[in-house]
Amino acid sequence: MWIRQWVHSLWLPTTKGDVPMIELNFKANSTTEWRECTQMMRTMFWDEFEKRRQVDVRQMIQEQINEEFKMQIGASWHEKGSSLRQDDRNGFRQRSFEVMNGCIPSFTIPRARKIKIHYSAFGLWERVQPKVLDAMLKTYLYSRGSGSAQEIIEAFGQSRFSRSFLQKLVRRFEGSLKEYRIKKIDKFWPYIFIDGMEITFYDGLELKKRVVLIALGMNHDKQKEILGWVTVRSEHETAIRSLLLHLKEKGLKTPDLFITDDSKGITAALKLEYPHVKRQLCAFHKIKNINDHLNDLSHRKGMTRQAGDIYRLSSSRHEAIERLGAFIKDWRSLEPEAVRLFKQGFERTLTYFDFPKDDWKSIYTSNAIEQQIGKLRDWVRRFSYFRGQTNLDLALYSYVHMKSGEGLPSIHGQDHRSVLHTFC
């Protein structure tokens, strides 16, 4: 009805009858004038339509708010003596609200004295979806503060959110992180991979290099899970022990095998904390070490292929040792240093033969954790550095939950939508 009234309002009565407000001169450039007139009419129509639409939406949501409040307290305005009354009114507050087509200001939200009122209209009409809150949280964590998050959110058409909103969201997330750090490890993980990655860290004074040591668990079904991490200066014995003790505090059951590289710190820490657990030295690192000690780079392809065949083609420990003998015979005279280092500690790369054959391919190298670390590097590479240990831990924590496409975890049992209601 109002559209018809609006169209009629664009025509003015004259003595000659109804004529348009704007006269068109079809003798001149009629095509251009008609296009301009059409564009003007279209703009005027949709501007008016948008204003009326916002009025209608606001009225509809406000009526729903009032009705839900009345139902939850069990009484209408000024109603007295109702046997269904659950609570009394306690004034109201004003708030704006984001919907799909913009921000609608000045909603009147009634308050009750005792009970907590829930309004379903907010969940039905809100514009800020969980993915937007994910982006806000990640931007805040990785950027230089809430200002960058505000700029990105506004670029996508959202209204400004206060710094306190972002900070409260992060504090909720920090609480979830603390729960995760002390959460008990209930499953038994027979295989534990340990490795580290280097990150850039800002401690408030200068940029520093740090190492994030990560423990990854894997079972016989090839299921994997990041069990914990610590941030340290380097992969020395004390740092590795701090990771192992952290896992023990979380209830890690003694595994059957540790898979690591040839780090002296890892070796010393495992001997001290898990002296009776077997250890598999990563065969990939063993083969890769050949490249660093070649006299003639043209030998690289042949040597690494033959060294790799020792693990890929051997069906027993005895066969692997025989293949090693052939490797030494073929290359000792050409590359004595590379052969000597490959032979040194070779027995520690054959521990995987003591375990089920179906698991050999997954445990004779540390590829399982290398793949996770590669994804983590991609995750953090877009950000030049982290401002503080907390932001780094939150970034790692968010990756643990998002690597399977699950999105950011719920915060104290609430999804992002309920968190938004709490803060707005």
Protein backbone atom coordinates (compact mmCIF):
# COMPACT_ATOMS: atom_id res chain seq x y z
CA MET A 1 0.00 0.00 0.00
CA TRP A 2 2.70 2.49 0.97
CA ILE A 3 4.54 1.81 -2.30
CA ARG A 4 1.45 2.83 -4.28
CA GLN A 5 1.07 5.96 -2.14
CA TRP A 6 4.73 6.82 -2.67
CA VAL A 7 4.42 6.49 -6.46
CA HIS A 8 1.34 8.75 -6.48
CA SER A 9 3.19 11.32 -4.37
CA LEU A 10 5.70 11.79 -7.20
CA TRP A 11 2.96 13.27 -9.44
CA LEU A 12 1.66 16.80 -9.01
CA PRO A 13 -1.86 17.86 -10.04
CA THR A 14 -2.09 20.77 -12.51
CA THR A 15 -4.86 22.41 -14.54
CA LYS A 16 -3.99 20.15 -17.44
CA GLY A 17 -4.14 17.00 -15.30
CA ASP A 18 -1.45 14.89 -13.64
CA VAL A 19 2.03 15.43 -15.07
CA PRO A 20 5.45 14.20 -13.86
CA MET A 21 7.46 16.38 -11.48
CA ILE A 22 10.31 16.37 -14.01
CA GLU A 23 9.50 17.24 -17.62
CA LEU A 24 11.34 15.30 -20.28
CA ASN A 25 12.47 16.88 -23.53
CA PHE A 26 12.21 14.07 -26.04
CA LYS A 27 13.29 16.36 -28.89
CA ALA A 28 16.82 16.52 -27.51
CA ASN A 29 18.89 13.55 -26.39
CA SER A 30 15.87 11.58 -25.22
CA THR A 31 17.77 8.34 -24.57
CA THR A 32 20.20 10.02 -22.18
CA GLU A 33 17.50 12.00 -20.37
CA TRP A 34 15.30 8.95 -19.99
CA ARG A 35 18.22 6.92 -18.60
CA GLU A 36 19.02 9.65 -16.07
CA CYS A 37 15.38 9.93 -15.06
CA THR A 38 15.07 6.16 -14.69
CA GLN A 39 18.21 6.03 -12.54
CA MET A 40 16.96 8.87 -10.34
CA MET A 41 13.56 7.23 -9.89
CA ARG A 42 15.17 3.90 -9.06
CA THR A 43 17.46 5.51 -6.47
CA MET A 44 14.60 7.41 -4.86
CA PHE A 45 12.46 4.29 -4.74
CA TRP A 46 15.06 2.06 -3.08
CA ASP A 47 16.11 4.75 -0.61
CA GLU A 48 12.50 5.12 0.47
CA PHE A 49 12.03 1.36 0.45
CA GLU A 50 15.05 0.88 2.73
CA LYS A 51 13.78 3.46 5.22
CA ARG A 52 10.33 1.87 5.33
CA ARG A 53 11.84 -1.60 5.58
CA GLN A 54 13.94 -0.63 8.61
CA VAL A 55 10.88 0.89 10.27
CA ASP A 56 8.88 -2.28 9.67
CA VAL A 57 11.68 -4.58 10.86
CA ARG A 58 12.27 -2.49 13.97
CA GLN A 59 8.56 -2.51 14.81
CA MET A 60 8.32 -6.26 14.28
CA ILE A 61 11.37 -7.05 16.45
CA GLN A 62 10.27 -4.62 19.16
CA GLU A 63 6.83 -6.24 19.30
CA GLN A 64 8.45 -9.66 19.57
CA ILE A 65 10.72 -8.43 22.39
CA ASN A 66 7.77 -7.01 24.32
CA GLU A 67 5.71 -10.17 23.84
CA GLU A 68 8.53 -12.49 24.94
CA PHE A 69 9.18 -10.35 28.01
CA LYS A 70 5.49 -10.46 28.94
CA MET A 71 5.38 -14.25 28.56
CA GLN A 72 8.51 -14.82 30.66
CA ILE A 73 7.47 -12.64 33.61
CA GLY A 74 3.84 -13.79 33.32
CA ALA A 75 2.18 -10.37 33.27
CA SER A 76 1.36 -7.52 30.87
CA TRP A 77 2.14 -3.84 31.37
CA HIS A 78 0.42 -2.45 34.50
CA GLU A 79 -1.24 -5.83 35.15
CA LYS A 80 -1.70 -6.46 38.87
CA GLY A 81 -2.71 -9.49 40.87
CA SER A 82 -1.83 -12.04 38.19
CA SER A 83 -1.33 -15.55 39.57
CA LEU A 84 1.11 -16.29 36.72
CA ARG A 85 3.51 -13.44 37.51
CA GLN A 86 7.12 -14.65 37.89
CA ASP A 87 8.89 -11.34 38.43
CA ASP A 88 8.51 -7.55 38.38
CA ARG A 89 9.70 -5.08 35.79
CA ASN A 90 12.90 -3.16 36.44
CA GLY A 91 13.03 -0.46 33.78
CA PHE A 92 14.67 -0.93 30.40
CA ARG A 93 17.83 -0.26 28.45
CA GLN A 94 18.51 0.95 24.93
CA ARG A 95 20.59 -0.95 22.42
CA SER A 96 21.18 -1.09 18.70
CA PHE A 97 21.05 -4.28 16.73
CA GLU A 98 22.85 -5.61 13.65
CA VAL A 99 20.60 -7.28 11.07
CA MET A 100 21.31 -8.51 7.56
CA ASN A 101 20.79 -5.08 5.96
CA GLY A 102 22.42 -2.80 8.48
CA CYS A 103 22.19 -1.46 12.01
CA ILE A 104 18.80 -0.66 13.57
CA PRO A 105 19.18 1.75 16.52
CA SER A 106 17.21 2.38 19.71
CA PHE A 107 15.55 -0.87 20.67
CA THR A 108 13.92 -0.75 24.10
CA ILE A 109 14.91 -3.86 26.06
CA PRO A 110 12.75 -4.43 29.19
CA ARG A 111 14.47 -5.68 32.33
CA ALA A 112 13.26 -7.93 35.13
CA ARG A 113 14.32 -7.66 38.77
CA LYS A 114 15.36 -11.28 39.37
CA ILE A 115 15.02 -13.65 36.43
CA LYS A 116 17.22 -13.55 33.33
CA ILE A 117 15.22 -12.80 30.19
CA HIS A 118 16.16 -14.47 26.92
CA TYR A 119 15.08 -12.89 23.63
CA SER A 120 14.96 -15.26 20.67
CA ALA A 121 14.69 -12.32 18.27
CA PHE A 122 18.41 -11.64 18.67
CA GLY A 123 19.34 -15.14 17.58
CA LEU A 124 16.95 -15.02 14.62
CA TRP A 125 17.91 -11.61 13.27
CA GLU A 126 21.54 -11.07 14.22
CA ARG A 127 23.97 -10.29 11.47
CA VAL A 128 27.19 -11.17 13.27
CA GLN A 129 27.70 -14.84 12.48
CA PRO A 130 30.22 -17.17 14.18
CA LYS A 131 32.60 -16.91 11.20
CA VAL A 132 32.75 -13.13 11.69
CA LEU A 133 33.56 -13.60 15.38
CA ASP A 134 36.21 -16.15 14.43
CA ALA A 135 37.78 -13.53 12.17
CA MET A 136 37.55 -10.87 14.88
CA LEU A 137 39.23 -13.11 17.42
CA LYS A 138 42.02 -14.27 15.12
CA THR A 139 42.65 -10.74 13.86
CA TYR A 140 42.86 -9.46 17.43
CA LEU A 141 45.24 -12.25 18.47
CA TYR A 142 47.60 -11.90 15.54
CA SER A 143 47.47 -8.17 14.89
CA ARG A 144 48.86 -5.29 16.87
CA GLY A 145 45.65 -4.78 18.84
CA SER A 146 41.94 -4.21 18.52
CA GLY A 147 42.34 -1.36 16.01
CA SER A 148 43.30 -3.74 13.20
CA ALA A 149 40.37 -5.98 14.01
CA GLN A 150 38.01 -2.99 13.88
CA GLU A 151 39.29 -1.97 10.45
CA ILE A 152 38.78 -5.43 9.00
CA ILE A 153 35.31 -5.85 10.50
CA GLU A 154 34.23 -2.43 9.19
CA ALA A 155 35.60 -3.29 5.75
CA PHE A 156 33.06 -6.11 5.61
CA GLY A 157 30.20 -3.79 6.51
CA GLN A 158 29.96 -4.42 10.24
CA SER A 159 29.43 -1.68 12.80
CA ARG A 160 32.24 -0.91 15.20
CA PHE A 161 32.61 -3.14 18.23
CA SER A 162 34.19 -1.69 21.31
CA ARG A 163 37.65 -2.71 22.44
CA SER A 164 36.09 -4.07 25.60
CA PHE A 165 33.98 -6.45 23.50
CA LEU A 166 37.07 -7.89 21.80
CA GLN A 167 38.98 -8.04 25.06
CA LYS A 168 36.14 -9.85 26.82
CA LEU A 169 35.95 -12.29 23.93
CA VAL A 170 39.68 -12.96 24.22
CA ARG A 171 39.47 -13.35 28.01
CA ARG A 172 36.76 -15.97 27.58
CA PHE A 173 38.98 -17.72 25.07
CA GLU A 174 41.94 -17.52 27.46
CA GLY A 175 39.85 -19.32 30.06
CA SER A 176 39.15 -22.08 27.57
CA LEU A 177 42.89 -22.28 26.82
CA LYS A 178 43.71 -22.72 30.52
CA GLU A 179 41.22 -25.57 30.74
CA TYR A 180 42.80 -27.19 27.69
CA ARG A 181 46.32 -26.91 29.14
CA ILE A 182 45.32 -28.88 32.26
CA LYS A 183 42.87 -31.24 30.57
CA LYS A 184 43.78 -34.86 31.25
CA ILE A 185 44.99 -37.08 28.42
CA ASP A 186 42.56 -39.97 28.68
CA LYS A 187 43.52 -41.95 25.58
CA PHE A 188 46.53 -44.22 25.35
CA TRP A 189 48.88 -43.10 22.60
CA PRO A 190 51.41 -45.84 21.78
CA TYR A 191 53.50 -43.57 19.56
CA ILE A 192 54.68 -40.09 20.56
CA PHE A 193 56.41 -37.76 18.09
CA ILE A 194 58.45 -34.81 19.38
CA ASP A 195 59.78 -31.95 17.28
CA GLY A 196 60.00 -28.16 17.31
CA MET A 197 59.54 -25.10 15.11
CA GLU A 198 61.06 -21.64 15.32
CA ILE A 199 58.88 -18.55 15.73
CA THR A 200 59.49 -14.82 16.22
CA PHE A 201 58.42 -13.52 19.59
CA TYR A 202 58.14 -9.95 20.95
CA ASP A 203 58.73 -9.78 24.70
CA GLY A 204 57.91 -6.08 25.06
CA LEU A 205 61.46 -4.88 24.43
CA GLU A 206 62.74 -6.61 21.31
CA LEU A 207 62.07 -9.36 18.78
CA LYS A 208 63.50 -12.73 19.77
CA LYS A 209 63.64 -16.19 18.26
CA ARG A 210 61.95 -18.94 20.23
CA VAL A 211 61.29 -22.64 19.67
CA VAL A 212 57.86 -24.20 20.14
CA LEU A 213 58.33 -27.85 21.16
CA ILE A 214 55.33 -29.98 20.21
CA ALA A 215 54.27 -33.50 21.18
CA LEU A 216 52.00 -35.43 18.81
CA GLY A 217 50.29 -38.69 19.72
CA MET A 218 49.32 -41.41 17.23
CA ASN A 219 47.51 -44.71 17.77
CA HIS A 220 47.39 -47.92 15.73
CA ASP A 221 44.42 -46.56 13.74
CA LYS A 222 46.66 -43.68 12.56
CA GLN A 223 44.59 -41.15 14.51
CA LYS A 224 46.71 -38.17 15.57
CA GLU A 225 46.36 -35.45 18.19
CA ILE A 226 48.57 -32.62 19.42
CA LEU A 227 49.03 -33.42 23.11
CA GLY A 228 50.86 -30.31 24.25
CA TRP A 229 53.57 -27.75 23.61
CA VAL A 230 56.02 -25.48 25.40
CA THR A 231 57.88 -22.38 24.22
CA VAL A 232 61.62 -22.45 24.96
CA ARG A 233 64.86 -20.81 23.88
CA SER A 234 66.30 -23.94 22.22
CA GLU A 235 65.98 -27.74 22.10
CA HIS A 236 68.20 -28.34 25.10
CA GLU A 237 67.68 -31.06 27.70
CA THR A 238 65.91 -28.85 30.26
CA ALA A 239 63.46 -27.58 27.64
CA ILE A 240 62.59 -31.10 26.46
CA ARG A 241 62.13 -32.21 30.05
CA SER A 242 59.68 -29.35 30.64
CA LEU A 243 57.55 -30.68 27.76
CA LEU A 244 57.73 -34.27 29.03
CA LEU A 245 56.84 -33.21 32.58
CA HIS A 246 53.93 -31.16 31.24
CA LEU A 247 52.61 -34.28 29.48
CA LYS A 248 53.03 -36.35 32.64
CA GLU A 249 51.05 -33.77 34.63
CA LYS A 250 48.25 -34.11 32.07
CA GLY A 251 48.17 -37.85 32.72
CA LEU A 252 50.04 -39.18 29.68
CA LYS A 253 50.35 -42.95 29.92
CA THR A 254 53.80 -44.33 29.18
CA PRO A 255 53.98 -44.83 25.40
CA ASP A 256 55.55 -47.74 23.54
CA LEU A 257 57.78 -45.63 21.30
CA PHE A 258 59.13 -42.10 20.89
CA ILE A 259 59.92 -40.91 17.35
CA THR A 260 62.36 -37.98 17.18
CA ASP A 261 65.27 -36.52 15.25
CA ASP A 262 68.88 -36.85 16.43
CA SER A 263 68.74 -33.94 18.89
CA LYS A 264 71.11 -34.39 21.83
CA GLY A 265 68.70 -32.55 24.11
CA ILE A 266 65.82 -34.89 23.23
CA THR A 267 68.03 -37.96 23.68
CA ALA A 268 69.22 -36.84 27.12
CA ALA A 269 65.73 -35.86 28.32
CA LEU A 270 64.15 -39.15 27.20
CA LYS A 271 66.86 -41.18 28.90
CA LEU A 272 66.12 -39.34 32.13
CA GLU A 273 62.30 -39.26 32.06
CA TYR A 274 61.52 -42.44 30.07
CA PRO A 275 64.62 -44.64 30.37
CA HIS A 276 62.79 -47.88 29.49
CA VAL A 277 60.79 -46.64 26.48
CA LYS A 278 62.12 -47.45 23.01
CA ARG A 279 63.09 -44.64 20.67
CA GLN A 280 63.00 -44.48 16.87
CA LEU A 281 65.49 -42.14 15.23
CA CYS A 282 63.86 -40.54 12.18
CA ALA A 283 65.15 -42.27 9.04
CA PHE A 284 64.34 -39.23 6.91
CA HIS A 285 66.68 -37.03 8.95
CA LYS A 286 69.32 -39.75 8.71
CA ILE A 287 69.10 -39.76 4.91
CA LYS A 288 68.89 -35.98 4.70
CA ASN A 289 72.15 -35.70 6.65
CA ILE A 290 73.95 -37.28 3.68
CA ASN A 291 73.39 -34.11 1.63
CA ASP A 292 75.42 -32.01 4.06
CA HIS A 293 78.60 -34.11 3.77
CA LEU A 294 79.01 -34.86 0.08
CA ASN A 295 82.27 -34.31 -1.77
CA ASP A 296 80.53 -34.47 -5.14
CA LEU A 297 76.94 -33.22 -5.43
CA SER A 298 76.37 -35.43 -8.46
CA HIS A 299 76.31 -38.39 -6.05
CA ARG A 300 73.34 -37.01 -4.12
CA LYS A 301 70.53 -38.62 -6.10
CA GLY A 302 72.09 -42.08 -6.21
CA MET A 303 73.13 -42.14 -2.54
CA THR A 304 69.86 -40.86 -1.11
CA ARG A 305 67.81 -43.23 -3.29
CA GLN A 306 69.84 -46.27 -2.19
CA ALA A 307 69.72 -45.15 1.45
CA GLY A 308 65.95 -44.71 1.23
CA ASP A 309 65.52 -48.19 -0.25
CA ILE A 310 67.03 -49.64 2.93
CA TYR A 311 63.87 -48.60 4.79
CA ARG A 312 61.31 -48.78 1.99
CA LEU A 313 62.18 -52.25 0.71
CA SER A 314 63.48 -54.13 3.76
CA SER A 315 61.05 -56.61 5.32
CA SER A 316 63.16 -57.30 8.42
CA ARG A 317 65.95 -55.86 10.51
CA HIS A 318 68.38 -58.43 9.10
CA GLU A 319 67.57 -57.42 5.51
CA ALA A 320 68.02 -53.74 6.37
CA ILE A 321 71.50 -54.45 7.77
CA GLU A 322 72.41 -56.38 4.62
CA ARG A 323 71.28 -53.47 2.46
CA LEU A 324 73.39 -51.16 4.62
CA GLY A 325 76.42 -53.33 3.85
CA ALA A 326 75.78 -52.99 0.13
CA PHE A 327 75.38 -49.23 0.52
CA ILE A 328 78.73 -48.95 2.33
CA LYS A 329 80.48 -51.07 -0.30
CA ASP A 330 79.13 -48.94 -3.16
CA TRP A 331 79.86 -45.49 -1.70
CA ARG A 332 82.63 -45.71 0.92
CA SER A 333 85.45 -44.92 -1.50
CA LEU A 334 83.57 -42.05 -3.15
CA GLU A 335 81.95 -40.38 -0.11
CA PRO A 336 83.75 -41.63 3.03
CA GLU A 337 82.49 -38.92 5.41
CA ALA A 338 78.85 -39.19 4.34
CA VAL A 339 78.99 -43.00 4.64
CA ARG A 340 80.64 -42.84 8.07
CA LEU A 341 77.97 -40.51 9.46
CA PHE A 342 75.14 -42.55 7.93
CA LYS A 343 76.51 -45.73 9.50
CA GLN A 344 76.91 -44.02 12.88
CA GLY A 345 73.80 -44.67 14.99
CA PHE A 346 72.14 -46.58 12.12
CA GLU A 347 70.79 -49.24 14.50
CA ARG A 348 68.60 -46.63 16.21
CA THR A 349 66.70 -46.08 12.94
CA LEU A 350 65.59 -49.75 12.90
CA THR A 351 63.55 -49.77 16.12
CA TYR A 352 60.32 -49.71 14.11
CA PHE A 353 60.86 -53.38 13.19
CA ASP A 354 59.87 -54.24 16.80
CA PHE A 355 56.30 -53.03 16.18
CA PRO A 356 53.36 -54.18 14.02
CA LYS A 357 54.20 -54.20 10.32
CA ASP A 358 51.11 -52.16 9.48
CA ASP A 359 52.62 -49.27 11.47
CA TRP A 360 56.12 -49.32 9.96
CA LYS A 361 55.43 -46.78 7.24
CA SER A 362 54.03 -44.31 9.78
CA ILE A 363 56.71 -44.59 12.46
CA TYR A 364 60.10 -45.05 10.78
CA THR A 365 60.18 -41.29 10.11
CA SER A 366 58.82 -38.26 11.95
CA ASN A 367 56.74 -37.25 8.92
CA ALA A 368 53.53 -37.29 10.98
CA ILE A 369 54.64 -34.39 13.17
CA GLU A 370 56.56 -32.70 10.35
CA GLN A 371 53.28 -32.40 8.44
CA GLN A 372 51.56 -30.83 11.44
CA ILE A 373 54.45 -28.42 11.97
CA GLY A 374 54.32 -27.50 8.28
CA LYS A 375 50.66 -26.57 8.65
CA LEU A 376 51.44 -24.63 11.82
CA ARG A 377 54.17 -22.71 10.00
CA ASP A 378 51.68 -21.80 7.28
CA TRP A 379 49.25 -20.77 10.02
CA VAL A 380 51.66 -18.32 11.65
CA ARG A 381 53.77 -17.26 8.66
CA ARG A 382 51.24 -14.62 7.61
CA PHE A 383 51.98 -12.77 10.86
CA SER A 384 55.44 -11.35 11.31
CA TYR A 385 55.61 -11.96 15.06
CA PHE A 386 53.53 -12.53 18.20
CA ARG A 387 53.05 -9.90 20.86
CA GLY A 388 53.44 -11.88 24.05
CA GLN A 389 53.31 -15.50 25.13
CA THR A 390 49.54 -15.45 25.60
CA ASN A 391 48.84 -14.49 21.99
CA LEU A 392 51.17 -17.23 20.78
CA ASP A 393 49.47 -19.85 22.98
CA LEU A 394 46.04 -18.71 21.82
CA ALA A 395 47.11 -18.95 18.19
CA LEU A 396 48.41 -22.50 18.69
CA TYR A 397 45.30 -23.43 20.63
CA SER A 398 43.01 -22.13 17.90
CA TYR A 399 44.95 -24.17 15.33
CA VAL A 400 44.51 -27.36 17.35
CA HIS A 401 40.75 -26.94 17.08
CA MET A 402 40.55 -25.54 13.57
CA LYS A 403 42.88 -27.95 11.75
CA SER A 404 39.93 -30.28 11.14
CA GLY A 405 37.66 -27.48 9.96
CA GLU A 406 35.72 -27.43 13.23
CA GLY A 407 36.00 -23.67 13.76
CA LEU A 408 37.00 -22.05 17.01
CA PRO A 409 35.92 -24.04 20.06
CA SER A 410 32.97 -23.06 22.19
CA ILE A 411 33.77 -20.77 25.09
CA HIS A 412 32.81 -22.25 28.48
CA GLY A 413 30.03 -24.25 26.87
CA GLN A 414 28.70 -21.28 24.87
CA ASP A 415 28.92 -20.84 21.15
CA HIS A 416 29.91 -17.48 19.70
CA ARG A 417 26.29 -16.45 19.29
CA SER A 418 25.55 -16.70 23.01
CA VAL A 419 28.82 -14.91 23.76
CA LEU A 420 27.71 -12.07 21.52
CA HIS A 421 24.46 -11.78 23.47
CA THR A 422 26.42 -11.61 26.71
CA PHE A 423 28.61 -8.74 25.54
CA CYS A 424 26.19 -6.64 23.48
